[in-house]
Amino acid sequence: MTTTFTDETRERAREIIARYPADRSRSALLPLLHLVQAEEGYVSPAGVAFCAEVLGLNKAQVGAVATFYTMYKRKPTGDFLVSVCTNTMCNVLGGQEVYDTLAEHLGVGHDETTADGTITLEHAECLAACDYGPVMTVNYDFFDGVDASTAVGVVDELRAGGRPMPTRGARLCTLKEMAVQLAGFADERDGAVADGGPGEPTLRGLRLAQQHGVSVPGFDPNTPIRSKAEADKAAAEAKAKAEAAKPAPVEASAAPVKGGDGASAPTGAAGVAEPAKPAEASGSTTRDVKAPDDKSPQVRTAETRQPDATVPDVNSAASDAPGTKVPADRTGTAPQAGDARAAEAAGVAANAPAGDGKPAGDEAGAQERNLTEAKAGTDADGAAPADANETGAQK
């Protein structure tokens, strides 16, 4: 089925892409996937094609991202995604019991949707709220400290058209409405935005620290937080103070000593010319050449490896890669141009590709011999059946 996306969705897609530099438009893929999910309720093949079209990608590239993140649903999903944490902490506190009860009550399993299209149930590996376990979320809004009874009450209210209030955060919205927010657009509903303070379990560590007088050395809770302008000003003053504290550079009193070619020779601390140091040998058949900075790492690597050196001998004027040397045999002759390819071909011929039941490089004759010896109950040395099996495995 082909879906034609609305003009509003296309306009929002252009707005999303405009948030990123022209040569980085691919970064808009994640919010665009949320955008198509906001219209269809999931990322359909048509949604993948739409994202590929507006970004100039192919569908395989878009599909690779859409299948990687669990927040992108690849099949129709209910209005409310109910996720129950069944990971270690919540599980110990009863998370699995909550999930099992909901599955039986709703008549669906993991990643399945009720017949009325209202609720999709899933078990989650972790919802990052261990201090409130067991927890479940409805469209990523938290219901803390739930048990089987309260969880059933929440889903029943949702199926009846209600919007139960989450433990933390704003009023519930549908999955499509949530996807609009994740795409980067404000939710204009009444009560869509709400503040929520930290709960007592989260503050427990702070309470214990205050109770026992534990704090970072020199910590002052009344220290005001500086604005960015104040912080930048303080950093500039510290930098100026550090520059002022640096010792003034010492100027050379003696005139530079000329070298044999008339050029200035390097001088030491006392103004005396230092002898020129001999150039270090690089081992290369030609002089080292610094690679240009605009070369990609892949090009540099390929040039450095240079597996098929084309120099005929060590006295050739042909250039090898910077910083490398052409290997020579004992006679001082460099390998010929096709040696690397010939060696590779010989290795491939000696190491046949893997078949259905044997690893690459294994000899079929040896396997058959081992099986025959094991079946006969003895090996070539007359070993017992158990020993034969062991010997065959070793071979």
Protein backbone atom coordinates (compact mmCIF):
# COMPACT_ATOMS: atom_id res chain seq x y z
CA MET A 1 0.00 0.00 0.00
CA THR A 2 1.37 3.39 -0.99
CA THR A 3 0.95 6.26 1.43
CA THR A 4 0.84 9.87 0.27
CA PHE A 5 2.07 12.09 3.06
CA THR A 6 0.21 15.30 3.77
CA ASP A 7 1.42 18.75 2.78
CA GLU A 8 1.87 19.54 6.48
CA THR A 9 4.23 16.58 6.88
CA ARG A 10 6.23 17.63 3.83
CA GLU A 11 6.48 21.19 5.13
CA ARG A 12 7.66 19.92 8.51
CA ALA A 13 10.20 17.69 6.78
CA ARG A 14 11.68 20.73 5.02
CA GLU A 15 11.78 22.57 8.35
CA ILE A 16 13.62 19.66 10.00
CA ILE A 17 16.19 19.45 7.19
CA ALA A 18 16.77 23.22 7.39
CA ARG A 19 17.98 22.81 11.00
CA TYR A 20 21.19 21.17 9.75
CA PRO A 21 24.05 22.43 7.53
CA ALA A 22 23.51 21.78 3.83
CA ASP A 23 26.30 19.19 3.70
CA ARG A 24 25.02 17.47 6.85
CA SER A 25 21.38 16.99 5.93
CA ARG A 26 21.65 13.27 6.64
CA SER A 27 21.65 14.15 10.34
CA ALA A 28 17.95 14.95 9.95
CA LEU A 29 17.09 11.26 9.47
CA LEU A 30 16.20 10.50 13.09
CA PRO A 31 13.63 13.29 13.54
CA LEU A 32 12.27 12.55 10.05
CA LEU A 33 11.59 8.95 11.06
CA HIS A 34 9.66 10.23 14.08
CA LEU A 35 7.78 12.56 11.75
CA VAL A 36 6.53 9.79 9.45
CA GLN A 37 5.68 7.70 12.52
CA ALA A 38 3.58 10.64 13.77
CA GLU A 39 1.43 10.40 10.64
CA GLU A 40 1.11 6.63 10.22
CA GLY A 41 1.67 5.35 13.74
CA TYR A 42 4.72 3.37 12.62
CA VAL A 43 7.56 3.58 10.09
CA SER A 44 6.06 1.93 7.03
CA PRO A 45 7.87 1.07 3.78
CA ALA A 46 6.28 4.25 2.39
CA GLY A 47 7.77 6.21 5.31
CA VAL A 48 11.22 4.77 4.60
CA ALA A 49 10.86 5.74 0.92
CA PHE A 50 9.73 9.25 1.90
CA CYS A 51 12.77 9.82 4.15
CA ALA A 52 15.08 8.47 1.44
CA GLU A 53 13.50 10.78 -1.13
CA VAL A 54 13.78 14.02 0.85
CA LEU A 55 17.35 13.29 2.02
CA GLY A 56 18.71 11.86 -1.22
CA LEU A 57 19.53 8.49 0.38
CA ASN A 58 18.64 5.00 -0.71
CA LYS A 59 16.02 2.97 1.13
CA ALA A 60 18.57 0.50 2.49
CA GLN A 61 20.38 3.30 4.34
CA VAL A 62 17.14 4.55 5.88
CA GLY A 63 15.95 1.05 6.73
CA ALA A 64 19.23 0.27 8.51
CA VAL A 65 18.60 3.16 10.92
CA ALA A 66 14.87 2.49 11.33
CA THR A 67 15.51 -1.14 12.33
CA PHE A 68 18.30 -0.27 14.76
CA TYR A 69 16.33 1.87 17.23
CA THR A 70 13.42 0.30 19.10
CA MET A 71 11.49 3.59 19.25
CA TYR A 72 10.79 3.24 15.53
CA LYS A 73 8.01 0.70 15.12
CA ARG A 74 7.99 -1.33 11.93
CA LYS A 75 4.38 -2.50 12.09
CA PRO A 76 1.10 -0.78 13.08
CA THR A 77 1.16 0.11 16.78
CA GLY A 78 -1.64 1.00 19.17
CA ASP A 79 -2.44 4.47 20.43
CA PHE A 80 -0.68 3.66 23.70
CA LEU A 81 2.59 1.76 23.93
CA VAL A 82 2.72 0.09 27.35
CA SER A 83 6.26 -0.96 28.28
CA VAL A 84 6.96 -3.00 31.42
CA CYS A 85 10.53 -3.27 32.70
CA THR A 86 11.56 -6.88 33.26
CA ASN A 87 15.25 -6.27 33.85
CA THR A 88 17.09 -7.28 37.02
CA MET A 89 16.01 -4.68 39.59
CA CYS A 90 12.38 -4.36 38.47
CA ASN A 91 12.17 -8.12 38.01
CA VAL A 92 13.27 -8.76 41.60
CA LEU A 93 10.61 -6.29 42.76
CA GLY A 94 7.83 -7.94 40.72
CA GLY A 95 8.20 -6.59 37.17
CA GLN A 96 7.77 -9.96 35.49
CA GLU A 97 4.56 -10.57 37.43
CA VAL A 98 3.24 -7.19 36.24
CA TYR A 99 4.04 -8.06 32.63
CA ASP A 100 2.55 -11.55 32.83
CA THR A 101 -0.64 -10.21 34.39
CA LEU A 102 -1.05 -7.56 31.67
CA ALA A 103 -0.37 -10.09 28.91
CA GLU A 104 -3.07 -12.38 30.23
CA HIS A 105 -5.51 -9.52 30.89
CA LEU A 106 -5.08 -7.97 27.44
CA GLY A 107 -4.76 -11.25 25.57
CA VAL A 108 -1.58 -10.20 23.77
CA GLY A 109 2.14 -10.97 24.01
CA HIS A 110 5.29 -8.97 23.50
CA ASP A 111 5.06 -6.40 20.69
CA GLU A 112 1.43 -7.30 20.00
CA THR A 113 -1.58 -4.98 19.81
CA THR A 114 -5.05 -5.47 21.22
CA ALA A 115 -7.90 -6.09 18.76
CA ASP A 116 -9.32 -2.59 19.29
CA GLY A 117 -5.97 -1.02 18.34
CA THR A 118 -5.68 0.81 21.65
CA ILE A 119 -2.71 -0.80 23.39
CA THR A 120 0.54 -2.38 22.27
CA LEU A 121 2.32 -4.31 25.03
CA GLU A 122 6.06 -4.86 25.26
CA HIS A 123 8.55 -5.91 27.89
CA ALA A 124 11.51 -3.56 28.15
CA GLU A 125 15.05 -4.46 29.13
CA CYS A 126 15.54 -1.30 31.19
CA LEU A 127 13.60 1.93 31.61
CA ALA A 128 16.36 3.72 33.57
CA ALA A 129 14.31 4.16 36.74
CA CYS A 130 15.68 1.45 39.03
CA ASP A 131 15.02 3.56 42.13
CA TYR A 132 11.28 3.52 41.35
CA GLY A 133 10.92 -0.15 40.40
CA PRO A 134 8.95 -1.87 39.29
CA VAL A 135 8.12 0.67 36.62
CA MET A 136 6.17 0.76 33.40
CA THR A 137 5.77 3.52 30.85
CA VAL A 138 2.88 4.54 28.62
CA ASN A 139 4.27 6.26 25.51
CA TYR A 140 7.49 6.78 27.49
CA ASP A 141 5.82 8.52 30.45
CA PHE A 142 6.49 6.86 33.81
CA PHE A 143 4.23 5.00 36.20
CA ASP A 144 6.42 4.23 39.20
CA GLY A 145 6.19 1.51 41.80
CA VAL A 146 3.42 -0.38 40.01
CA ASP A 147 2.08 -3.80 40.88
CA ALA A 148 -0.18 -6.11 38.93
CA SER A 149 -3.35 -4.48 40.20
CA THR A 150 -2.37 -0.85 39.47
CA ALA A 151 -1.05 -1.80 36.03
CA VAL A 152 -4.36 -3.42 35.09
CA GLY A 153 -6.18 -0.31 36.34
CA VAL A 154 -4.06 1.92 34.07
CA VAL A 155 -4.69 -0.11 30.89
CA ASP A 156 -8.42 -0.42 31.65
CA GLU A 157 -8.69 3.36 31.98
CA LEU A 158 -6.82 3.81 28.68
CA ARG A 159 -9.16 1.40 26.87
CA ALA A 160 -12.15 3.27 28.30
CA GLY A 161 -10.89 6.52 26.73
CA GLY A 162 -9.33 8.01 29.85
CA ARG A 163 -5.89 9.52 30.29
CA PRO A 164 -4.46 8.47 33.66
CA MET A 165 -1.87 10.87 35.05
CA PRO A 166 1.71 9.57 35.04
CA THR A 167 3.71 9.57 38.27
CA ARG A 168 6.10 12.11 36.78
CA GLY A 169 5.69 14.50 33.87
CA ALA A 170 2.83 15.85 31.79
CA ARG A 171 -0.52 14.37 30.80
CA LEU A 172 -0.52 11.34 28.56
CA CYS A 173 -0.76 11.69 24.79
CA THR A 174 -1.07 9.16 21.98
CA LEU A 175 1.94 7.60 20.33
CA LYS A 176 1.44 9.77 17.23
CA GLU A 177 1.30 12.92 19.35
CA MET A 178 4.44 11.80 21.15
CA ALA A 179 6.22 11.24 17.82
CA VAL A 180 5.52 14.86 16.84
CA GLN A 181 7.37 16.01 19.95
CA LEU A 182 10.26 13.63 19.28
CA ALA A 183 10.52 15.09 15.78
CA GLY A 184 11.22 18.45 17.44
CA PHE A 185 7.87 20.23 17.37
CA ALA A 186 6.04 21.70 20.37
CA ASP A 187 2.90 19.99 21.65
CA GLU A 188 0.15 22.60 21.77
CA ARG A 189 -2.26 20.55 23.90
CA ASP A 190 -3.45 21.89 27.23
CA GLY A 191 -1.20 20.53 29.96
CA ALA A 192 1.21 19.02 27.45
CA VAL A 193 4.14 20.49 29.37
CA ALA A 194 4.47 20.07 33.11
CA ASP A 195 7.24 20.28 35.66
CA GLY A 196 7.96 17.43 37.99
CA GLY A 197 10.36 17.44 40.89
CA PRO A 198 12.61 14.51 41.81
CA GLY A 199 11.03 11.80 43.93
CA GLU A 200 12.18 10.71 47.36
CA PRO A 201 14.03 7.57 46.12
CA THR A 202 16.17 9.74 43.84
CA LEU A 203 16.95 12.14 46.70
CA ARG A 204 17.73 9.39 49.21
CA GLY A 205 21.50 9.59 48.61
CA LEU A 206 21.48 13.35 49.09
CA ARG A 207 19.47 13.01 52.30
CA LEU A 208 21.99 10.50 53.71
CA ALA A 209 24.91 12.76 52.76
CA GLN A 210 23.31 15.69 54.55
CA GLN A 211 22.46 13.55 57.56
CA HIS A 212 26.05 12.30 57.96
CA GLY A 213 27.83 15.47 56.87
CA VAL A 214 29.31 13.93 53.71
CA SER A 215 30.28 16.48 51.07
CA VAL A 216 32.96 17.33 48.54
CA PRO A 217 35.87 19.24 50.13
CA GLY A 218 35.28 22.98 49.81
CA PHE A 219 31.70 22.50 48.62
CA ASP A 220 29.42 25.48 49.23
CA PRO A 221 25.79 24.81 48.32
CA ASN A 222 25.13 28.56 48.30
CA THR A 223 27.70 29.26 45.60
CA PRO A 224 25.87 31.05 42.78
CA ILE A 225 26.04 29.56 39.31
CA ARG A 226 27.79 32.00 36.98
CA SER A 227 26.27 32.99 33.67
CA LYS A 228 28.11 32.16 30.46
CA ALA A 229 29.22 35.77 30.07
CA GLU A 230 30.69 35.79 33.59
CA ALA A 231 32.41 32.46 33.03
CA ASP A 232 33.93 33.68 29.72
CA LYS A 233 35.13 36.87 31.37
CA ALA A 234 36.78 34.94 34.22
CA ALA A 235 38.46 32.61 31.73
CA ALA A 236 39.80 35.55 29.71
CA GLU A 237 41.21 37.19 32.86
CA ALA A 238 42.89 33.95 33.91
CA LYS A 239 44.42 33.58 30.45
CA ALA A 240 45.73 37.18 30.50
CA LYS A 241 47.25 36.62 33.94
CA ALA A 242 48.98 33.44 32.76
CA GLU A 243 50.39 35.24 29.71
CA ALA A 244 51.72 38.06 31.90
CA ALA A 245 53.45 35.59 34.19
CA LYS A 246 55.45 34.03 31.35
CA PRO A 247 59.18 35.03 31.28
CA ALA A 248 60.23 37.33 28.45
CA PRO A 249 62.07 35.58 25.58
CA VAL A 250 65.90 35.88 25.66
CA GLU A 251 67.34 37.59 22.56
CA ALA A 252 70.56 36.19 21.05
CA SER A 253 73.46 38.63 21.57
CA ALA A 254 75.87 37.21 19.01
CA ALA A 255 75.41 37.43 15.27
CA PRO A 256 74.45 34.18 13.61
CA VAL A 257 77.37 32.07 12.46
CA LYS A 258 77.44 31.45 8.76
CA GLY A 259 77.78 27.93 7.49
CA GLY A 260 80.01 26.79 4.68
CA ASP A 261 77.34 27.55 2.10
CA GLY A 262 76.74 31.04 3.45
CA ALA A 263 73.50 30.07 5.20
CA SER A 264 72.98 30.71 8.88
CA ALA A 265 74.03 27.72 10.96
CA PRO A 266 72.03 26.71 14.08
CA THR A 267 73.41 28.10 17.31
CA GLY A 268 73.34 26.78 20.85
CA ALA A 269 72.63 28.61 24.09
CA ALA A 270 76.04 30.38 24.04
CA GLY A 271 75.68 31.55 20.45
CA VAL A 272 78.16 28.92 19.21
CA ALA A 273 77.29 27.14 16.02
CA GLU A 274 76.24 23.56 16.56
CA PRO A 275 77.50 20.95 14.12
CA ALA A 276 74.92 19.84 11.61
CA LYS A 277 73.36 16.51 12.46
CA PRO A 278 73.43 13.84 9.77
CA ALA A 279 70.07 12.99 8.29
CA GLU A 280 68.58 9.84 9.72
CA ALA A 281 68.24 7.03 7.23
CA SER A 282 64.64 6.02 6.66
CA GLY A 283 65.43 2.68 5.03
CA SER A 284 63.55 3.73 1.89
CA THR A 285 64.97 3.33 -1.59
CA THR A 286 64.13 6.98 -2.20
CA ARG A 287 64.00 10.06 -0.07
CA ASP A 288 61.04 10.44 2.28
CA VAL A 289 58.31 12.74 1.06
CA LYS A 290 55.77 14.20 3.48
CA ALA A 291 52.28 13.22 2.45
CA PRO A 292 49.97 16.18 1.72
CA ASP A 293 47.48 16.95 4.48
CA ASP A 294 44.53 16.70 2.13
CA LYS A 295 44.98 12.99 1.57
CA SER A 296 42.45 10.74 3.18
CA PRO A 297 43.61 8.17 5.76
CA GLN A 298 42.60 5.39 3.36
CA VAL A 299 44.86 6.77 0.61
CA ARG A 300 47.77 7.14 3.02
CA THR A 301 47.32 3.58 4.27
CA ALA A 302 47.19 2.19 0.74
CA GLU A 303 50.32 4.10 -0.26
CA THR A 304 52.20 2.98 2.84
CA ARG A 305 51.34 -0.70 2.47
CA GLN A 306 51.98 -0.82 -1.30
CA PRO A 307 51.71 -4.63 -1.53
CA ASP A 308 52.64 -4.74 -5.25
CA ALA A 309 55.92 -2.81 -5.38
CA THR A 310 56.85 -2.18 -8.99
CA VAL A 311 60.58 -1.44 -8.49
CA PRO A 312 62.70 -4.04 -10.32
CA ASP A 313 65.69 -3.82 -7.96
CA VAL A 314 67.13 -1.89 -5.05
CA ASN A 315 68.92 0.51 -7.39
CA SER A 316 65.74 1.48 -9.23
CA ALA A 317 64.79 5.15 -9.27
CA ALA A 318 61.09 4.28 -8.93
CA SER A 319 59.59 5.71 -5.78
CA ASP A 320 58.11 3.57 -3.05
CA ALA A 321 55.79 4.85 -0.31
CA PRO A 322 57.13 7.48 2.11
CA GLY A 323 58.80 5.99 5.17
CA THR A 324 58.90 2.41 3.84
CA LYS A 325 61.49 0.27 2.14
CA VAL A 326 61.22 -2.40 -0.49
CA PRO A 327 62.16 -5.80 0.96
CA ALA A 328 65.13 -7.42 -0.74
CA ASP A 329 66.37 -11.01 -0.69
CA ARG A 330 69.92 -12.03 0.19
CA THR A 331 71.17 -11.17 -3.28
CA GLY A 332 69.96 -7.58 -2.89
CA THR A 333 67.27 -7.94 -5.54
CA ALA A 334 63.84 -6.52 -4.82
CA PRO A 335 60.74 -8.64 -5.42
CA GLN A 336 59.27 -8.45 -8.90
CA ALA A 337 55.99 -6.68 -9.59
CA GLY A 338 53.78 -9.74 -9.66
CA ASP A 339 55.26 -11.56 -6.65
CA ALA A 340 52.61 -10.37 -4.20
CA ARG A 341 49.77 -11.34 -6.53
CA ALA A 342 51.35 -14.73 -7.21
CA ALA A 343 51.75 -15.39 -3.48
CA GLU A 344 48.15 -14.40 -2.86
CA ALA A 345 46.91 -16.69 -5.65
CA ALA A 346 48.95 -19.58 -4.24
CA GLY A 347 47.46 -19.00 -0.80
CA VAL A 348 43.93 -18.97 -2.17
CA ALA A 349 44.54 -22.19 -4.09
CA ALA A 350 45.88 -23.92 -0.97
CA ASN A 351 43.03 -22.71 1.24
CA ALA A 352 39.73 -23.61 -0.37
CA PRO A 353 36.63 -21.62 0.63
CA ALA A 354 34.41 -23.03 3.37
CA GLY A 355 31.64 -25.41 2.38
CA ASP A 356 28.38 -26.13 4.18
CA GLY A 357 29.89 -28.37 6.82
CA LYS A 358 33.61 -27.73 6.95
CA PRO A 359 35.66 -24.75 8.04
CA ALA A 360 37.85 -22.99 5.50
CA GLY A 361 41.21 -24.68 4.94
CA ASP A 362 40.27 -28.13 6.31
CA GLU A 363 41.08 -31.09 4.12
CA ALA A 364 38.07 -33.25 3.34
CA GLY A 365 40.21 -36.41 3.08
CA ALA A 366 41.43 -36.05 6.66
CA GLN A 367 37.87 -35.65 7.93
CA GLU A 368 36.69 -38.74 6.09
CA ARG A 369 39.66 -40.73 7.39
CA ASN A 370 38.91 -39.71 10.96
CA LEU A 371 35.24 -40.65 10.58
CA THR A 372 36.17 -44.04 9.12
CA GLU A 373 38.62 -44.76 11.94
CA ALA A 374 36.11 -43.72 14.58
CA LYS A 375 33.39 -45.87 13.02
CA ALA A 376 35.69 -48.87 12.88
CA GLY A 377 36.39 -48.45 16.59
CA THR A 378 40.15 -48.22 16.20
CA ASP A 379 42.78 -45.96 14.70
CA ALA A 380 45.85 -46.84 12.69
CA ASP A 381 47.75 -47.73 15.89
CA GLY A 382 45.08 -50.06 17.21
CA ALA A 383 43.65 -47.71 19.83
CA ALA A 384 40.43 -48.48 21.72
CA PRO A 385 37.11 -46.94 20.53
CA ALA A 386 37.23 -44.07 23.04
CA ASP A 387 40.83 -43.36 22.11
CA ALA A 388 39.96 -43.54 18.42
CA ASN A 389 37.37 -40.85 18.76
CA GLU A 390 39.81 -38.64 20.64
CA THR A 391 42.56 -39.27 18.07
CA GLY A 392 40.19 -38.50 15.23
CA ALA A 393 39.13 -35.26 16.85
CA GLN A 394 42.73 -34.22 17.33
CA LYS A 395 43.55 -34.99 13.71
